[in-house]
Amino acid sequence: MTQDTQEQKHINPPQHQDRQPGLESEMDPRPLALNAEPGSLRLSGEVSLISGGDSGIGRAVALAFAKEGAHVVIVYLDEHDDAEETAAMVRALGRECLCVAGDIGDPKFCADAVRQTLERFGRLDVLVNNAAEQHPRESLAEITSDQLERTFRTNVFGMFFLTQAALPHLEEGARIINTASVTAYRGSPKLLDYAATKGAVVAFTRSLSQQLLPRGIRVNGVAPGPVWTPLIPSTFTAKEVAEFGGHAPMQRAGQPVEIAPAYVFLASADASFMAGQMLHPNGGEIING
């Protein structure tokens, strides 16, 4: 990130994608996922599995982990080109990358993703539950039972299923990091079901942390504010995209590369005294709770 980029106010060209998940390759400008800062090998030789790792925050975390010495497994739905681009970037950093496509709302797929991870690398050290979807609606009455089930299946059930699949293979010292959202703390009038799922992520993180501390496994989370990812143009109108991030105290959306260091910190030994906590890279919004 350059200083100019960090200080840039919200100026997003109006745009919209008709499919979700969105594609990073179709965004203008492309999100910033990698900077020139060298890593310090805090995760050297470790293996991380990141859901939603093909693009957005997941891509930035994959690259940040790779710079810290970790091999990466990317779990994603069907954004094959984005996933392969991320994998090529991970490999260019000198680490191995495995891409696994499928729906984390299916427990059988989650078990298979973990199985492939173990077959390829023989271990799993860091699990990042990051994949999510959202579907804005003007009123509660517009949220259909199908939408409600779909949003919870991806954002909450998928987190449960992937963690359940990974847990038998996580040894003492392993870490789990869950992606929540600022909406879990301040709400969102047009994202009722999404905000509810992110509140569930916070409660799950705190509760699982208490359950797993006796095993020496740390569970924490990150609750980002507005971030320029494919989720934005794939769920909001072109006008809303152009204004996205403008209401944050910093008057702009964050870049994925600005969020990834929170995950690196929680995955590293630097956070050895952190468990059951949420970090809040959100552009300056003050959070209570």
Protein backbone atom coordinates (compact mmCIF):
# COMPACT_ATOMS: atom_id res chain seq x y z
CA MET A 1 0.00 0.00 0.00
CA THR A 2 1.29 3.42 -0.84
CA GLN A 3 0.54 6.44 1.31
CA ASP A 4 -1.62 7.85 -1.49
CA THR A 5 -3.70 4.68 -1.55
CA GLN A 6 -4.16 4.68 2.20
CA GLU A 7 -5.42 8.27 2.20
CA GLN A 8 -7.63 7.94 -0.88
CA LYS A 9 -11.28 8.74 -0.25
CA HIS A 10 -14.07 6.52 -1.54
CA ILE A 11 -13.97 6.72 -5.34
CA ASN A 12 -15.28 3.49 -6.82
CA PRO A 13 -16.45 3.42 -10.44
CA PRO A 14 -20.13 2.42 -10.55
CA GLN A 15 -20.29 -1.29 -11.37
CA HIS A 16 -22.37 -4.38 -10.73
CA GLN A 17 -21.88 -8.10 -11.25
CA ASP A 18 -24.92 -10.29 -11.88
CA ARG A 19 -23.57 -13.37 -10.19
CA GLN A 20 -22.60 -14.25 -6.65
CA PRO A 21 -19.95 -15.07 -5.66
CA GLY A 22 -18.47 -12.15 -7.54
CA LEU A 23 -15.29 -12.31 -9.56
CA GLU A 24 -12.24 -10.31 -8.58
CA SER A 25 -11.03 -10.44 -12.17
CA GLU A 26 -13.99 -8.28 -13.22
CA MET A 27 -13.58 -5.54 -10.60
CA ASP A 28 -12.41 -2.03 -11.44
CA PRO A 29 -10.11 -1.20 -9.77
CA ARG A 30 -8.81 -4.59 -8.70
CA PRO A 31 -8.56 -5.02 -4.93
CA LEU A 32 -5.09 -4.75 -3.43
CA ALA A 33 -4.11 -8.12 -2.01
CA LEU A 34 -0.33 -7.97 -1.79
CA ASN A 35 2.21 -5.36 -0.77
CA ALA A 36 5.97 -5.20 -1.04
CA GLU A 37 6.61 -5.71 2.66
CA PRO A 38 8.72 -8.81 3.34
CA GLY A 39 7.45 -11.54 5.62
CA SER A 40 9.28 -12.70 8.72
CA LEU A 41 8.53 -16.44 8.42
CA ARG A 42 6.35 -16.52 11.54
CA LEU A 43 4.39 -19.44 10.02
CA SER A 44 7.33 -21.26 8.47
CA GLY A 45 6.48 -24.80 7.34
CA GLU A 46 2.90 -24.63 8.56
CA VAL A 47 -0.24 -25.45 6.57
CA SER A 48 -3.29 -23.19 6.45
CA LEU A 49 -6.74 -23.87 5.03
CA ILE A 50 -8.71 -20.77 4.03
CA SER A 51 -12.34 -20.88 2.92
CA GLY A 52 -13.17 -18.18 0.41
CA GLY A 53 -9.45 -18.00 -0.30
CA ASP A 54 -9.80 -17.34 -4.01
CA SER A 55 -10.38 -13.59 -3.76
CA GLY A 56 -10.95 -10.59 -1.51
CA ILE A 57 -9.86 -10.92 2.11
CA GLY A 58 -9.25 -14.65 1.65
CA ARG A 59 -6.77 -14.03 -1.16
CA ALA A 60 -4.93 -11.38 0.85
CA VAL A 61 -4.72 -13.73 3.83
CA ALA A 62 -3.42 -16.56 1.64
CA LEU A 63 -0.67 -14.31 0.29
CA ALA A 64 0.18 -12.90 3.71
CA PHE A 65 0.43 -16.42 5.15
CA ALA A 66 2.61 -17.48 2.22
CA LYS A 67 4.97 -14.59 2.88
CA GLU A 68 5.19 -15.84 6.46
CA GLY A 69 6.25 -19.28 5.24
CA ALA A 70 2.95 -21.21 5.25
CA HIS A 71 1.64 -23.51 2.55
CA VAL A 72 -1.96 -22.72 1.64
CA VAL A 73 -5.13 -24.64 0.82
CA ILE A 74 -7.79 -22.52 -0.87
CA VAL A 75 -11.39 -23.67 -0.53
CA TYR A 76 -13.81 -21.87 -2.84
CA LEU A 77 -17.14 -22.41 -4.61
CA ASP A 78 -16.66 -22.14 -8.38
CA GLU A 79 -14.53 -19.06 -9.11
CA HIS A 80 -11.85 -21.17 -10.80
CA ASP A 81 -9.96 -18.38 -12.58
CA ASP A 82 -9.70 -16.28 -9.40
CA ALA A 83 -8.54 -19.32 -7.44
CA GLU A 84 -5.87 -20.21 -9.97
CA GLU A 85 -4.64 -16.63 -9.99
CA THR A 86 -4.33 -16.69 -6.22
CA ALA A 87 -2.57 -20.05 -6.32
CA ALA A 88 -0.06 -18.73 -8.88
CA MET A 89 0.66 -15.76 -6.61
CA VAL A 90 1.18 -18.06 -3.61
CA ARG A 91 3.56 -20.23 -5.63
CA ALA A 92 5.45 -17.17 -6.81
CA LEU A 93 6.13 -16.49 -3.13
CA GLY A 94 7.78 -19.90 -2.86
CA ARG A 95 4.96 -21.81 -1.16
CA GLU A 96 2.71 -24.66 -2.24
CA CYS A 97 -0.98 -24.09 -2.88
CA LEU A 98 -3.83 -26.56 -3.22
CA CYS A 99 -7.19 -25.41 -4.64
CA VAL A 100 -10.34 -27.31 -3.64
CA ALA A 101 -13.66 -26.31 -5.23
CA GLY A 102 -17.02 -27.03 -3.64
CA ASP A 103 -19.81 -25.87 -1.35
CA ILE A 104 -18.87 -25.59 2.33
CA GLY A 105 -22.58 -25.83 3.13
CA ASP A 106 -22.18 -29.56 2.41
CA PRO A 107 -20.51 -31.40 5.32
CA LYS A 108 -19.27 -34.14 2.98
CA PHE A 109 -17.38 -31.57 0.93
CA CYS A 110 -15.82 -30.07 4.05
CA ALA A 111 -14.61 -33.50 5.12
CA ASP A 112 -13.16 -34.07 1.65
CA ALA A 113 -11.38 -30.70 1.67
CA VAL A 114 -9.68 -31.58 4.95
CA ARG A 115 -8.86 -35.06 3.64
CA GLN A 116 -7.19 -33.56 0.56
CA THR A 117 -5.24 -31.17 2.77
CA LEU A 118 -3.88 -34.01 4.88
CA GLU A 119 -3.09 -36.16 1.85
CA ARG A 120 -1.14 -33.32 0.26
CA PHE A 121 0.63 -31.85 3.28
CA GLY A 122 0.24 -34.32 6.14
CA ARG A 123 -0.82 -31.65 8.63
CA LEU A 124 -3.13 -28.71 9.28
CA ASP A 125 -2.09 -25.86 11.56
CA VAL A 126 -4.34 -22.89 10.84
CA LEU A 127 -8.00 -22.94 9.79
CA VAL A 128 -9.51 -19.68 8.51
CA ASN A 129 -13.32 -19.71 8.19
CA ASN A 130 -13.77 -16.79 5.82
CA ALA A 131 -16.28 -17.68 3.07
CA ALA A 132 -19.58 -15.78 3.17
CA GLU A 133 -22.43 -14.44 1.08
CA GLN A 134 -24.97 -11.65 1.48
CA HIS A 135 -28.20 -10.60 -0.21
CA PRO A 136 -29.44 -7.07 0.57
CA ARG A 137 -33.17 -6.59 1.05
CA GLU A 138 -35.13 -3.46 1.91
CA SER A 139 -37.33 -5.13 4.51
CA LEU A 140 -37.57 -8.24 6.64
CA ALA A 141 -40.63 -9.32 4.64
CA GLU A 142 -38.49 -9.64 1.50
CA ILE A 143 -36.17 -12.24 3.01
CA THR A 144 -37.46 -15.58 1.76
CA SER A 145 -36.98 -18.84 3.61
CA ASP A 146 -34.71 -19.97 0.76
CA GLN A 147 -32.49 -16.90 1.13
CA LEU A 148 -32.38 -17.23 4.91
CA GLU A 149 -31.38 -20.88 4.69
CA ARG A 150 -28.80 -20.19 1.98
CA THR A 151 -27.12 -17.36 3.88
CA PHE A 152 -26.95 -19.32 7.11
CA ARG A 153 -25.81 -22.48 5.32
CA THR A 154 -22.79 -20.72 3.87
CA ASN A 155 -21.91 -18.30 6.65
CA VAL A 156 -22.72 -20.40 9.73
CA PHE A 157 -23.26 -24.05 8.77
CA GLY A 158 -20.16 -23.98 6.56
CA MET A 159 -18.09 -22.66 9.47
CA PHE A 160 -19.42 -25.44 11.71
CA PHE A 161 -18.92 -28.17 9.10
CA LEU A 162 -15.38 -27.16 8.15
CA THR A 163 -14.33 -26.79 11.78
CA GLN A 164 -15.86 -30.14 12.67
CA ALA A 165 -13.94 -31.78 9.82
CA ALA A 166 -10.66 -30.13 10.77
CA LEU A 167 -10.83 -30.50 14.55
CA PRO A 168 -9.78 -34.16 14.86
CA HIS A 169 -6.59 -33.28 12.98
CA LEU A 170 -5.65 -30.10 14.84
CA GLU A 171 -2.90 -30.60 17.38
CA GLU A 172 -1.90 -28.51 20.36
CA GLY A 173 -0.83 -25.09 19.16
CA ALA A 174 -3.23 -25.01 16.20
CA ARG A 175 -5.25 -21.89 15.52
CA ILE A 176 -8.75 -21.18 14.19
CA ILE A 177 -9.61 -17.72 12.87
CA ASN A 178 -13.18 -16.79 11.93
CA THR A 179 -14.27 -13.83 9.81
CA ALA A 180 -17.12 -11.88 11.38
CA SER A 181 -18.14 -8.32 10.39
CA VAL A 182 -18.73 -4.87 11.78
CA THR A 183 -22.42 -5.57 11.06
CA ALA A 184 -22.46 -8.02 13.98
CA TYR A 185 -21.86 -5.07 16.32
CA ARG A 186 -23.73 -2.14 14.78
CA GLY A 187 -26.32 -3.96 12.66
CA SER A 188 -27.27 -3.32 9.04
CA PRO A 189 -30.85 -2.44 8.04
CA LYS A 190 -30.56 -4.00 4.57
CA LEU A 191 -28.50 -7.04 5.59
CA LEU A 192 -30.57 -8.53 8.41
CA ASP A 193 -29.81 -12.18 7.72
CA TYR A 194 -26.14 -11.52 6.92
CA ALA A 195 -25.66 -9.48 10.10
CA ALA A 196 -27.38 -12.23 12.08
CA THR A 197 -24.94 -14.81 10.71
CA LYS A 198 -22.00 -12.62 11.65
CA GLY A 199 -23.36 -12.28 15.16
CA ALA A 200 -23.41 -16.07 15.23
CA VAL A 201 -19.76 -16.09 14.13
CA VAL A 202 -18.83 -13.91 17.11
CA ALA A 203 -20.71 -16.15 19.57
CA PHE A 204 -19.27 -19.30 17.97
CA THR A 205 -15.75 -17.90 18.22
CA ARG A 206 -16.08 -17.04 21.90
CA SER A 207 -17.72 -20.34 22.79
CA LEU A 208 -15.40 -22.58 20.78
CA SER A 209 -12.43 -20.78 22.26
CA GLN A 210 -13.53 -21.78 25.75
CA GLN A 211 -14.05 -25.36 24.63
CA LEU A 212 -10.67 -25.73 22.92
CA LEU A 213 -8.32 -23.85 25.23
CA PRO A 214 -7.75 -26.99 27.33
CA ARG A 215 -6.44 -28.62 24.12
CA GLY A 216 -4.06 -25.73 23.50
CA ILE A 217 -5.94 -24.53 20.40
CA ARG A 218 -6.54 -20.79 20.12
CA VAL A 219 -9.74 -19.52 18.48
CA ASN A 220 -10.10 -15.85 17.53
CA GLY A 221 -11.74 -13.75 14.86
CA VAL A 222 -11.60 -10.64 12.72
CA ALA A 223 -14.56 -8.29 12.22
CA PRO A 224 -13.76 -6.10 9.20
CA GLY A 225 -15.58 -2.96 8.23
CA PRO A 226 -16.24 -2.05 4.57
CA VAL A 227 -13.66 -3.76 2.37
CA TRP A 228 -13.31 -3.66 -1.43
CA THR A 229 -13.96 -7.30 -2.36
CA PRO A 230 -16.01 -9.12 -5.05
CA LEU A 231 -18.86 -9.41 -2.55
CA ILE A 232 -19.53 -5.69 -3.02
CA PRO A 233 -20.24 -5.35 -6.76
CA SER A 234 -21.99 -8.74 -6.76
CA THR A 235 -24.54 -7.71 -4.12
CA PHE A 236 -25.04 -3.94 -4.38
CA THR A 237 -26.28 -1.66 -7.15
CA ALA A 238 -23.82 0.33 -9.23
CA LYS A 239 -24.76 3.50 -7.36
CA GLU A 240 -24.27 1.84 -3.97
CA VAL A 241 -20.90 0.48 -5.10
CA ALA A 242 -19.79 3.98 -6.08
CA GLU A 243 -20.61 5.19 -2.57
CA PHE A 244 -19.35 2.10 -0.73
CA GLY A 245 -17.13 2.89 2.25
CA GLY A 246 -17.91 6.59 2.23
CA HIS A 247 -19.71 6.45 5.57
CA ALA A 248 -16.76 4.96 7.44
CA PRO A 249 -14.82 7.43 9.63
CA MET A 250 -11.90 7.16 7.18
CA GLN A 251 -14.35 7.92 4.34
CA ARG A 252 -13.26 5.00 2.21
CA ALA A 253 -13.40 1.22 1.96
CA GLY A 254 -10.45 -0.77 3.16
CA GLN A 255 -8.31 -2.91 0.91
CA PRO A 256 -7.92 -6.65 1.59
CA VAL A 257 -4.18 -6.13 2.07
CA GLU A 258 -5.01 -3.85 5.02
CA ILE A 259 -7.09 -6.59 6.69
CA ALA A 260 -4.74 -9.54 6.23
CA PRO A 261 -2.20 -8.49 8.91
CA ALA A 262 -4.86 -9.07 11.58
CA TYR A 263 -5.03 -12.71 10.50
CA VAL A 264 -1.25 -13.03 10.44
CA PHE A 265 -1.08 -11.67 13.97
CA LEU A 266 -3.72 -14.08 15.27
CA ALA A 267 -2.08 -17.02 13.50
CA SER A 268 1.37 -16.23 14.85
CA ALA A 269 2.98 -16.70 18.24
CA ASP A 270 2.68 -12.94 18.70
CA ALA A 271 -0.94 -13.59 19.70
CA SER A 272 -0.10 -16.37 22.16
CA PHE A 273 -2.13 -14.66 24.93
CA MET A 274 -5.18 -14.01 22.71
CA ALA A 275 -8.18 -16.34 22.69
CA GLY A 276 -11.88 -15.76 22.12
CA GLN A 277 -11.21 -12.24 20.82
CA MET A 278 -12.21 -10.17 17.79
CA LEU A 279 -9.95 -7.70 16.01
CA HIS A 280 -11.64 -4.73 14.32
CA PRO A 281 -9.94 -3.36 11.17
CA ASN A 282 -12.94 -1.23 10.21
CA GLY A 283 -11.80 2.24 9.15
CA GLY A 284 -12.09 3.87 12.53
CA GLU A 285 -15.53 2.86 13.75
CA ILE A 286 -15.70 2.58 17.54
CA ILE A 287 -17.08 -0.81 18.58
CA ASN A 288 -18.59 -1.77 21.92
CA GLY A 289 -19.06 -5.40 22.88
